[in-house]
Amino acid sequence: MSQIIAALTGDIVKSRKASPEVLEQAFTILRRSAADFGQQRDLDLRFTRNRGDGWQVILTRHDECFDAILYLVASLRAGQTGLDTRIAAAIAPVDSLGTRDLADASGHAFFIAGDTLDRMARAEQIKIANLGDAQTALVDLTANIAARWTATQAQAVAMALLDPAKTHDDIASALGITRQAVQNRLAGAGYGAFDKARAAMRNLTPDPKP
C-alpha cells in the first residue's frame, strides 16, 4: 500500500563556481541539519546526495514539510559557505523509500519533486508542488523573506525552527549573545511574519494523484 510522504529535492545554487572543498562543506551542513531536524522530531530524513550538486530527503510526517525546508535553507545560510540551495517539495504517495538510502526509492512524490525542481525559474528558491493559490503565495512570500537573511539572522532562525520550545533566552545562551540581540535578529529576519505562514502550511493537502 502506498504511503503519503513529503519528498524534498534540492540542488546547490551556482555550485560550478564553488571549489570542491566549499561544495563539500555545504553538503556537510545540509546532511547534519537534516539529521538534527529528524532527531528533534523522531524522524529519519534519509539525506541522500545525487547528481553531483543534488540531494533528497523525505518526511513521513508531511506536516513538517515547510519547517524542514526553512530549516535547511537557514542552516546553509548560517554556515557562511557563500552557497544557497533551491528546494522543491511534493506531498504524494511513494512505492518504496529505498534500501540503504533514497537512491533506489520510487514513487509519485519523488517524480513530482524532481520535475518541480527542474521547472523552477532561476530566481526561485522554494517551491511546493500542487498547492492552491493562497498557499503558493505564502511560500513565495516566505522565500522572498528568506532570500534576504544574513548569516546571523539565519542562525537565530534555524535555532528557533529546530526546537520551537526554546525561548529567546535559551537561544541567547547558546549563541553567547543577549536576549535583545536574538530578538533583533529574528525581527530582522521577519520571523514573526513567516511564523504565521508556518502554522497555515501545516495543513498542506496531499496530492491525490496515484
C-alpha atoms as a PDB file:
ATOM      1  CA  MET A   1       0.000   0.000   0.000  1.00  0.00           C
ATOM      2  CA  SER A   2       1.338   3.436  -0.953  1.00  0.00           C
ATOM      3  CA  GLN A   3       2.411   5.797   1.806  1.00  0.00           C
ATOM      4  CA  ILE A   4       1.878   9.561   1.662  1.00  0.00           C
ATOM      5  CA  ILE A   5       5.082  11.480   2.410  1.00  0.00           C
ATOM      6  CA  ALA A   6       6.767  14.784   1.651  1.00  0.00           C
ATOM      7  CA  ALA A   7       9.716  14.411  -0.708  1.00  0.00           C
ATOM      8  CA  LEU A   8      12.189  17.297  -0.839  1.00  0.00           C
ATOM      9  CA  THR A   9      14.576  17.544  -3.773  1.00  0.00           C
ATOM     10  CA  GLY A  10      17.228  20.249  -3.877  1.00  0.00           C
ATOM     11  CA  ASP A  11      20.385  21.443  -5.527  1.00  0.00           C
ATOM     12  CA  ILE A  12      23.152  23.893  -4.722  1.00  0.00           C
ATOM     13  CA  VAL A  13      22.899  27.274  -6.433  1.00  0.00           C
ATOM     14  CA  LYS A  14      25.948  28.205  -8.541  1.00  0.00           C
ATOM     15  CA  SER A  15      27.755  25.035  -7.484  1.00  0.00           C
ATOM     16  CA  ARG A  16      30.021  25.100 -10.537  1.00  0.00           C
ATOM     17  CA  LYS A  17      31.613  28.313  -9.304  1.00  0.00           C
ATOM     18  CA  ALA A  18      32.414  26.801  -5.894  1.00  0.00           C
ATOM     19  CA  SER A  19      35.573  24.896  -5.043  1.00  0.00           C
ATOM     20  CA  PRO A  20      35.188  21.184  -4.239  1.00  0.00           C
ATOM     21  CA  GLU A  21      36.025  21.959  -0.615  1.00  0.00           C
ATOM     22  CA  VAL A  22      33.315  24.605  -0.259  1.00  0.00           C
ATOM     23  CA  LEU A  23      30.763  22.407  -2.023  1.00  0.00           C
ATOM     24  CA  GLU A  24      31.583  19.536   0.310  1.00  0.00           C
ATOM     25  CA  GLN A  25      31.212  21.879   3.280  1.00  0.00           C
ATOM     26  CA  ALA A  26      27.749  22.860   2.062  1.00  0.00           C
ATOM     27  CA  PHE A  27      26.697  19.225   1.802  1.00  0.00           C
ATOM     28  CA  THR A  28      28.091  18.502   5.247  1.00  0.00           C
ATOM     29  CA  ILE A  29      25.911  21.294   6.648  1.00  0.00           C
ATOM     30  CA  LEU A  30      22.815  20.026   4.839  1.00  0.00           C
ATOM     31  CA  ARG A  31      23.420  16.425   5.886  1.00  0.00           C
ATOM     32  CA  ARG A  32      23.986  17.373   9.523  1.00  0.00           C
ATOM     33  CA  SER A  33      20.992  19.711   9.525  1.00  0.00           C
ATOM     34  CA  ALA A  34      18.723  17.009   8.112  1.00  0.00           C
ATOM     35  CA  ALA A  35      19.919  14.646  10.841  1.00  0.00           C
ATOM     36  CA  ASP A  36      19.366  17.264  13.568  1.00  0.00           C
ATOM     37  CA  PHE A  37      15.863  18.076  12.319  1.00  0.00           C
ATOM     38  CA  GLY A  38      14.973  14.405  12.183  1.00  0.00           C
ATOM     39  CA  GLN A  39      16.395  13.656  15.623  1.00  0.00           C
ATOM     40  CA  GLN A  40      14.438  16.513  17.163  1.00  0.00           C
ATOM     41  CA  ARG A  41      11.190  15.152  15.678  1.00  0.00           C
ATOM     42  CA  ASP A  42      11.949  11.416  15.797  1.00  0.00           C
ATOM     43  CA  LEU A  43      12.108  11.165  12.006  1.00  0.00           C
ATOM     44  CA  ASP A  44      14.639   9.691   9.581  1.00  0.00           C
ATOM     45  CA  LEU A  45      15.017  12.154   6.705  1.00  0.00           C
ATOM     46  CA  ARG A  46      17.417   9.786   4.886  1.00  0.00           C
ATOM     47  CA  PHE A  47      19.551  12.569   3.390  1.00  0.00           C
ATOM     48  CA  THR A  48      20.877  11.372   0.041  1.00  0.00           C
ATOM     49  CA  ARG A  49      23.228  13.214  -2.299  1.00  0.00           C
ATOM     50  CA  ASN A  50      22.727  12.737  -6.029  1.00  0.00           C
ATOM     51  CA  ARG A  51      23.596  14.263  -9.403  1.00  0.00           C
ATOM     52  CA  GLY A  52      26.751  15.939  -8.095  1.00  0.00           C
ATOM     53  CA  ASP A  53      25.093  19.013  -6.605  1.00  0.00           C
ATOM     54  CA  GLY A  54      21.672  17.492  -5.925  1.00  0.00           C
ATOM     55  CA  TRP A  55      20.149  15.993  -2.799  1.00  0.00           C
ATOM     56  CA  GLN A  56      16.930  14.500  -1.422  1.00  0.00           C
ATOM     57  CA  VAL A  57      15.240  13.976   1.927  1.00  0.00           C
ATOM     58  CA  ILE A  58      11.846  12.636   2.978  1.00  0.00           C
ATOM     59  CA  LEU A  59       9.388  13.461   5.732  1.00  0.00           C
ATOM     60  CA  THR A  60       6.987  10.699   6.683  1.00  0.00           C
ATOM     61  CA  ARG A  61       5.035  13.344   8.605  1.00  0.00           C
ATOM     62  CA  HIS A  62       4.311  15.742   5.786  1.00  0.00           C
ATOM     63  CA  ASP A  63       3.008  18.463   8.120  1.00  0.00           C
ATOM     64  CA  GLU A  64       6.694  19.119   8.918  1.00  0.00           C
ATOM     65  CA  CYS A  65       7.483  19.841   5.254  1.00  0.00           C
ATOM     66  CA  PHE A  66       7.542  23.635   5.357  1.00  0.00           C
ATOM     67  CA  ASP A  67       9.500  23.800   8.617  1.00  0.00           C
ATOM     68  CA  ALA A  68      12.078  21.386   7.213  1.00  0.00           C
ATOM     69  CA  ILE A  69      12.514  23.471   4.064  1.00  0.00           C
ATOM     70  CA  LEU A  70      13.029  26.673   6.033  1.00  0.00           C
ATOM     71  CA  TYR A  71      15.383  24.976   8.482  1.00  0.00           C
ATOM     72  CA  LEU A  72      17.611  23.611   5.719  1.00  0.00           C
ATOM     73  CA  VAL A  73      17.709  26.972   3.935  1.00  0.00           C
ATOM     74  CA  ALA A  74      18.517  28.793   7.183  1.00  0.00           C
ATOM     75  CA  SER A  75      21.164  26.296   8.255  1.00  0.00           C
ATOM     76  CA  LEU A  76      23.055  26.550   4.988  1.00  0.00           C
ATOM     77  CA  ARG A  77      22.918  30.350   5.034  1.00  0.00           C
ATOM     78  CA  ALA A  78      24.148  30.352   8.640  1.00  0.00           C
ATOM     79  CA  GLY A  79      27.102  28.170   7.604  1.00  0.00           C
ATOM     80  CA  GLN A  80      28.559  31.068   5.591  1.00  0.00           C
ATOM     81  CA  THR A  81      29.730  28.939   2.682  1.00  0.00           C
ATOM     82  CA  GLY A  82      28.515  31.550   0.222  1.00  0.00           C
ATOM     83  CA  LEU A  83      26.221  28.914  -1.270  1.00  0.00           C
ATOM     84  CA  ASP A  84      22.442  28.557  -1.143  1.00  0.00           C
ATOM     85  CA  THR A  85      20.133  25.702  -2.002  1.00  0.00           C
ATOM     86  CA  ARG A  86      16.958  25.528  -4.062  1.00  0.00           C
ATOM     87  CA  ILE A  87      14.294  23.176  -2.753  1.00  0.00           C
ATOM     88  CA  ALA A  88      11.262  21.642  -4.443  1.00  0.00           C
ATOM     89  CA  ALA A  89       8.803  19.546  -2.474  1.00  0.00           C
ATOM     90  CA  ALA A  90       5.863  17.282  -3.195  1.00  0.00           C
ATOM     91  CA  ILE A  91       3.382  15.612  -0.890  1.00  0.00           C
ATOM     92  CA  ALA A  92       2.250  12.435  -2.606  1.00  0.00           C
ATOM     93  CA  PRO A  93       2.357   8.619  -2.458  1.00  0.00           C
ATOM     94  CA  VAL A  94       5.555   6.586  -2.666  1.00  0.00           C
ATOM     95  CA  ASP A  95       6.041   2.945  -3.537  1.00  0.00           C
ATOM     96  CA  SER A  96       9.392   2.455  -1.826  1.00  0.00           C
ATOM     97  CA  LEU A  97      11.649   4.515   0.449  1.00  0.00           C
ATOM     98  CA  GLY A  98      14.689   2.691  -0.853  1.00  0.00           C
ATOM     99  CA  THR A  99      17.106   0.386   0.899  1.00  0.00           C
ATOM    100  CA  ARG A 100      20.256   1.983   2.304  1.00  0.00           C
ATOM    101  CA  ASP A 101      19.206   5.494   1.245  1.00  0.00           C
ATOM    102  CA  LEU A 102      16.892   7.195  -1.274  1.00  0.00           C
ATOM    103  CA  ALA A 103      18.987   6.304  -4.324  1.00  0.00           C
ATOM    104  CA  ASP A 104      16.655   3.445  -5.199  1.00  0.00           C
ATOM    105  CA  ALA A 105      13.457   4.928  -3.753  1.00  0.00           C
ATOM    106  CA  SER A 106      10.462   5.201  -6.054  1.00  0.00           C
ATOM    107  CA  GLY A 107       7.033   6.742  -6.249  1.00  0.00           C
ATOM    108  CA  HIS A 108       4.927   9.682  -7.300  1.00  0.00           C
ATOM    109  CA  ALA A 109       6.315  12.062  -4.660  1.00  0.00           C
ATOM    110  CA  PHE A 110       9.895  11.710  -5.909  1.00  0.00           C
ATOM    111  CA  PHE A 111       8.876  12.197  -9.537  1.00  0.00           C
ATOM    112  CA  ILE A 112       6.850  15.349  -8.805  1.00  0.00           C
ATOM    113  CA  ALA A 113       9.523  16.885  -6.578  1.00  0.00           C
ATOM    114  CA  GLY A 114      12.229  16.293  -9.184  1.00  0.00           C
ATOM    115  CA  ASP A 115      10.077  17.617 -12.005  1.00  0.00           C
ATOM    116  CA  THR A 116       9.170  20.686  -9.949  1.00  0.00           C
ATOM    117  CA  LEU A 117      12.839  21.434  -9.293  1.00  0.00           C
ATOM    118  CA  ASP A 118      13.642  21.093 -12.991  1.00  0.00           C
ATOM    119  CA  ARG A 119      10.879  23.560 -13.858  1.00  0.00           C
ATOM    120  CA  MET A 120      11.791  26.185 -11.252  1.00  0.00           C
ATOM    121  CA  ALA A 121      12.886  29.567 -12.540  1.00  0.00           C
ATOM    122  CA  ARG A 122      16.471  30.508 -11.827  1.00  0.00           C
ATOM    123  CA  ALA A 123      15.424  33.125  -9.281  1.00  0.00           C
ATOM    124  CA  GLU A 124      13.096  30.774  -7.362  1.00  0.00           C
ATOM    125  CA  GLN A 125      14.421  29.158  -4.200  1.00  0.00           C
ATOM    126  CA  ILE A 126      11.445  27.292  -2.731  1.00  0.00           C
ATOM    127  CA  LYS A 127       8.565  25.551  -4.485  1.00  0.00           C
ATOM    128  CA  ILE A 128       5.940  23.112  -3.216  1.00  0.00           C
ATOM    129  CA  ALA A 129       4.011  21.316  -5.934  1.00  0.00           C
ATOM    130  CA  ASN A 130       0.250  21.294  -6.430  1.00  0.00           C
ATOM    131  CA  LEU A 131      -0.729  23.967  -3.916  1.00  0.00           C
ATOM    132  CA  GLY A 132      -3.657  26.328  -4.160  1.00  0.00           C
ATOM    133  CA  ASP A 133      -3.122  29.978  -4.976  1.00  0.00           C
ATOM    134  CA  ALA A 134      -3.190  31.130  -1.347  1.00  0.00           C
ATOM    135  CA  GLN A 135      -0.625  28.597  -0.146  1.00  0.00           C
ATOM    136  CA  THR A 136       1.585  29.226  -3.176  1.00  0.00           C
ATOM    137  CA  ALA A 137       1.546  32.924  -2.324  1.00  0.00           C
ATOM    138  CA  LEU A 138       2.599  32.132   1.256  1.00  0.00           C
ATOM    139  CA  VAL A 139       5.511  30.033   0.010  1.00  0.00           C
ATOM    140  CA  ASP A 140       6.618  32.719  -2.445  1.00  0.00           C
ATOM    141  CA  LEU A 141       6.426  35.460   0.192  1.00  0.00           C
ATOM    142  CA  THR A 142       8.365  33.410   2.733  1.00  0.00           C
ATOM    143  CA  ALA A 143      11.005  32.519   0.143  1.00  0.00           C
ATOM    144  CA  ASN A 144      11.420  36.213  -0.630  1.00  0.00           C
ATOM    145  CA  ILE A 145      11.969  36.941   3.060  1.00  0.00           C
ATOM    146  CA  ALA A 146      14.425  34.037   3.436  1.00  0.00           C
ATOM    147  CA  ALA A 147      16.493  35.240   0.479  1.00  0.00           C
ATOM    148  CA  ARG A 148      17.347  38.376   2.478  1.00  0.00           C
ATOM    149  CA  TRP A 149      18.581  36.654   5.650  1.00  0.00           C
ATOM    150  CA  THR A 150      22.065  37.457   6.852  1.00  0.00           C
ATOM    151  CA  ALA A 151      24.152  34.629   8.297  1.00  0.00           C
ATOM    152  CA  THR A 152      23.476  35.729  11.877  1.00  0.00           C
ATOM    153  CA  GLN A 153      19.753  36.121  11.246  1.00  0.00           C
ATOM    154  CA  ALA A 154      19.645  32.684   9.630  1.00  0.00           C
ATOM    155  CA  GLN A 155      21.460  31.181  12.602  1.00  0.00           C
ATOM    156  CA  ALA A 156      18.820  32.511  15.005  1.00  0.00           C
ATOM    157  CA  VAL A 157      16.015  31.385  12.697  1.00  0.00           C
ATOM    158  CA  ALA A 158      17.493  27.880  12.412  1.00  0.00           C
ATOM    159  CA  MET A 159      17.690  27.525  16.189  1.00  0.00           C
ATOM    160  CA  ALA A 160      14.114  28.749  16.633  1.00  0.00           C
ATOM    161  CA  LEU A 161      12.841  26.351  13.955  1.00  0.00           C
ATOM    162  CA  LEU A 162      14.759  23.327  15.196  1.00  0.00           C
ATOM    163  CA  ASP A 163      13.211  23.414  18.649  1.00  0.00           C
ATOM    164  CA  PRO A 164      10.117  25.636  18.915  1.00  0.00           C
ATOM    165  CA  ALA A 165      10.160  25.093  22.683  1.00  0.00           C
ATOM    166  CA  LYS A 166      13.382  27.078  23.003  1.00  0.00           C
ATOM    167  CA  THR A 167      12.927  30.570  24.380  1.00  0.00           C
ATOM    168  CA  HIS A 168      14.825  33.644  23.266  1.00  0.00           C
ATOM    169  CA  ASP A 169      16.840  33.310  26.459  1.00  0.00           C
ATOM    170  CA  ASP A 170      17.771  29.730  25.503  1.00  0.00           C
ATOM    171  CA  ILE A 171      18.924  30.824  22.057  1.00  0.00           C
ATOM    172  CA  ALA A 172      20.839  33.777  23.507  1.00  0.00           C
ATOM    173  CA  SER A 173      22.642  31.487  25.950  1.00  0.00           C
ATOM    174  CA  ALA A 174      23.575  29.020  23.189  1.00  0.00           C
ATOM    175  CA  LEU A 175      24.916  31.801  20.946  1.00  0.00           C
ATOM    176  CA  GLY A 176      26.591  33.781  23.705  1.00  0.00           C
ATOM    177  CA  ILE A 177      24.637  36.942  22.948  1.00  0.00           C
ATOM    178  CA  THR A 178      21.930  38.931  24.709  1.00  0.00           C
ATOM    179  CA  ARG A 179      18.226  38.201  24.568  1.00  0.00           C
ATOM    180  CA  GLN A 180      17.734  41.564  22.865  1.00  0.00           C
ATOM    181  CA  ALA A 181      20.242  40.609  20.176  1.00  0.00           C
ATOM    182  CA  VAL A 182      18.275  37.407  19.500  1.00  0.00           C
ATOM    183  CA  GLN A 183      15.043  39.369  19.252  1.00  0.00           C
ATOM    184  CA  ASN A 184      16.688  41.834  16.873  1.00  0.00           C
ATOM    185  CA  ARG A 185      17.984  39.046  14.641  1.00  0.00           C
ATOM    186  CA  LEU A 186      14.624  37.282  14.487  1.00  0.00           C
ATOM    187  CA  ALA A 187      12.793  40.550  13.862  1.00  0.00           C
ATOM    188  CA  GLY A 188      15.246  41.453  11.097  1.00  0.00           C
ATOM    189  CA  ALA A 189      14.673  38.016   9.573  1.00  0.00           C
ATOM    190  CA  GLY A 190      10.919  38.571   9.512  1.00  0.00           C
ATOM    191  CA  TYR A 191      10.383  35.586  11.782  1.00  0.00           C
ATOM    192  CA  GLY A 192       7.158  36.867  13.269  1.00  0.00           C
ATOM    193  CA  ALA A 193       5.602  37.223   9.817  1.00  0.00           C
ATOM    194  CA  PHE A 194       6.517  33.832   8.408  1.00  0.00           C
ATOM    195  CA  ASP A 195       5.813  32.118  11.727  1.00  0.00           C
ATOM    196  CA  LYS A 196       2.117  32.617  10.933  1.00  0.00           C
ATOM    197  CA  ALA A 197       2.685  31.223   7.449  1.00  0.00           C
ATOM    198  CA  ARG A 198       4.250  28.123   9.011  1.00  0.00           C
ATOM    199  CA  ALA A 199       1.108  27.486  11.017  1.00  0.00           C
ATOM    200  CA  ALA A 200      -1.054  27.797   7.908  1.00  0.00           C
ATOM    201  CA  MET A 201       1.202  25.470   5.922  1.00  0.00           C
ATOM    202  CA  ARG A 202       0.811  22.638   8.425  1.00  0.00           C
ATOM    203  CA  ASN A 203      -2.477  21.807   6.748  1.00  0.00           C
ATOM    204  CA  LEU A 204      -0.978  21.063   3.335  1.00  0.00           C
ATOM    205  CA  THR A 205      -3.261  18.847   1.268  1.00  0.00           C
ATOM    206  CA  PRO A 206      -1.572  15.719  -0.175  1.00  0.00           C
ATOM    207  CA  ASP A 207      -1.592  15.268  -3.923  1.00  0.00           C
ATOM    208  CA  PRO A 208      -4.394  12.763  -4.636  1.00  0.00           C
ATOM    209  CA  LYS A 209      -2.961  11.501  -7.920  1.00  0.00           C
ATOM    210  CA  PRO A 210      -1.820   7.854  -7.948  1.00  0.00           C
END
